[in-house]
Protein backbone atom coordinates (compact mmCIF):
# COMPACT_ATOMS: atom_id res chain seq x y z
CA MET A 1 -16.03 -15.52 0.25
CA ASP A 2 -17.97 -12.70 0.48
CA ALA A 3 -17.24 -12.23 3.87
CA ILE A 4 -13.32 -12.14 3.11
CA TYR A 5 -14.09 -9.51 -0.10
CA THR A 6 -15.60 -7.34 2.45
CA LEU A 7 -13.21 -7.46 5.14
CA LEU A 8 -10.49 -6.36 2.33
CA TYR A 9 -12.72 -3.70 1.18
CA TRP A 10 -12.89 -2.44 4.44
CA VAL A 11 -9.14 -2.63 5.28
CA HIS A 12 -8.63 -1.04 1.91
CA VAL A 13 -10.57 2.11 2.57
CA PRO A 14 -9.44 3.04 5.77
CA VAL A 15 -5.90 2.70 4.83
CA ALA A 16 -6.38 4.92 1.69
CA VAL A 17 -8.53 7.64 3.59
CA SER A 18 -5.38 7.45 6.58
CA CYS A 19 -3.11 8.09 3.99
CA ILE A 20 -4.60 11.74 3.15
CA PRO A 21 -3.31 13.29 6.46
CA ALA A 22 -0.38 11.53 6.30
CA PHE A 23 0.96 13.19 3.04
CA TRP A 24 0.30 16.40 4.42
CA ILE A 25 1.70 15.71 7.85
CA ALA A 26 4.73 14.39 5.64
CA VAL A 27 4.60 17.11 3.87
CA LEU A 28 4.54 20.02 6.57
CA THR A 29 6.67 18.58 8.89
CA LYS A 30 10.66 19.25 9.39
CA LYS A 31 12.43 17.18 6.64
CA GLY A 32 14.48 13.94 7.99
CA GLY A 33 12.48 14.56 11.78
CA SER A 34 10.97 11.74 13.66
CA ALA A 35 7.16 12.95 12.92
CA HIS A 36 8.44 13.35 9.04
CA VAL A 37 10.05 10.11 9.08
CA ARG A 38 7.34 8.04 10.73
CA VAL A 39 4.58 9.52 9.03
CA GLY A 40 6.09 9.17 5.49
CA ARG A 41 6.75 5.58 6.11
CA TRP A 42 3.16 5.01 6.90
CA PHE A 43 2.20 6.79 3.74
CA ALA A 44 4.35 5.01 1.23
CA TYR A 45 3.27 1.60 2.91
CA GLY A 46 -0.13 2.20 3.13
CA MET A 47 0.23 3.69 -0.52
CA MET A 48 1.66 0.41 -1.59
CA PHE A 49 -0.91 -1.56 -0.17
CA VAL A 50 -3.79 0.49 -1.54
CA ALA A 51 -2.25 0.71 -5.05
CA LEU A 52 -1.52 -2.92 -5.51
CA THR A 53 -5.24 -3.91 -4.04
CA ALA A 54 -6.79 -1.47 -6.29
CA PHE A 55 -4.76 -2.46 -9.40
CA GLY A 56 -4.74 -6.15 -9.05
CA VAL A 57 -8.97 -5.92 -8.91
CA PHE A 58 -9.37 -3.16 -11.20
CA PHE A 59 -6.89 -5.21 -13.71
CA VAL A 60 -8.50 -8.31 -13.22
CA GLY A 61 -12.18 -7.29 -13.35
CA GLN A 62 -12.33 -4.34 -15.54
CA LEU A 63 -9.58 -4.66 -17.92
CA LEU A 64 -9.34 -8.18 -18.75
CA GLY A 65 -13.32 -8.75 -17.65
CA VAL A 66 -12.44 -11.63 -15.85
CA ARG A 67 -14.66 -13.20 -13.02
CA LEU A 68 -13.13 -15.47 -11.60
CA PRO A 69 -14.54 -18.54 -9.81
CA GLY A 70 -15.37 -19.14 -6.11
CA ALA A 71 -12.33 -18.38 -4.03
CA TRP A 72 -10.25 -17.46 -7.03
CA GLN A 73 -12.19 -14.30 -6.64
CA MET A 74 -9.45 -13.10 -3.78
CA ALA A 75 -6.61 -13.50 -5.78
CA PRO A 76 -6.20 -9.76 -7.60
CA TRP A 77 -6.76 -8.67 -3.77
CA ILE A 78 -4.26 -10.86 -2.12
CA LEU A 79 -1.74 -11.59 -4.26
CA PRO A 80 -0.62 -8.14 -5.74
CA THR A 81 -0.28 -7.15 -2.02
CA ILE A 82 2.09 -10.28 -1.17
CA VAL A 83 4.19 -9.73 -3.78
CA GLY A 84 4.16 -5.86 -4.44
CA VAL A 85 4.67 -5.05 -0.88
CA PRO A 86 7.71 -6.85 0.15
CA ALA A 87 9.38 -5.87 -2.98
CA MET A 88 8.61 -2.19 -2.08
CA VAL A 89 9.74 -2.28 1.30
CA LEU A 90 13.03 -4.12 0.12
CA TRP A 91 13.21 -0.76 -2.42
CA ILE A 92 12.57 1.57 -0.06
CA ARG A 93 15.38 0.25 2.31
CA ALA A 94 17.77 -0.15 -0.22
CA TYR A 95 17.30 3.41 -1.06
CA GLU A 96 17.36 5.12 2.73
CA ARG A 97 20.46 2.83 2.99
CA LYS A 98 22.02 4.46 0.16
CA PHE A 99 20.98 7.97 0.90
CA GLU A 100 21.67 7.58 4.81
CA THR A 101 22.97 10.70 6.15
CA GLY A 102 24.20 9.81 9.54
CA ARG A 103 21.36 10.43 11.69
CA SER A 104 19.78 8.03 13.49
């Protein structure tokens, strides 16, 4: 179980760190350009992953004071991501369609 926790931690942290330059690239490039869109999506999806995993782990561990037994310790890392990321991807796609300007 410690190996899975460690693996998720070492995925969580680099994704979070990679979102820092992605934010600035998206901010500083031409809005609507291909670089802006690509990097902006990486930032949005990366931050979704980071926020959901961090919130799940913090909420269960710190706020509720719950120490889950055995394999259940992975639930706060995995469940918010499994539910939240697809929901946010659908949300982003819906807004992209809603505000599409005809550019490809």
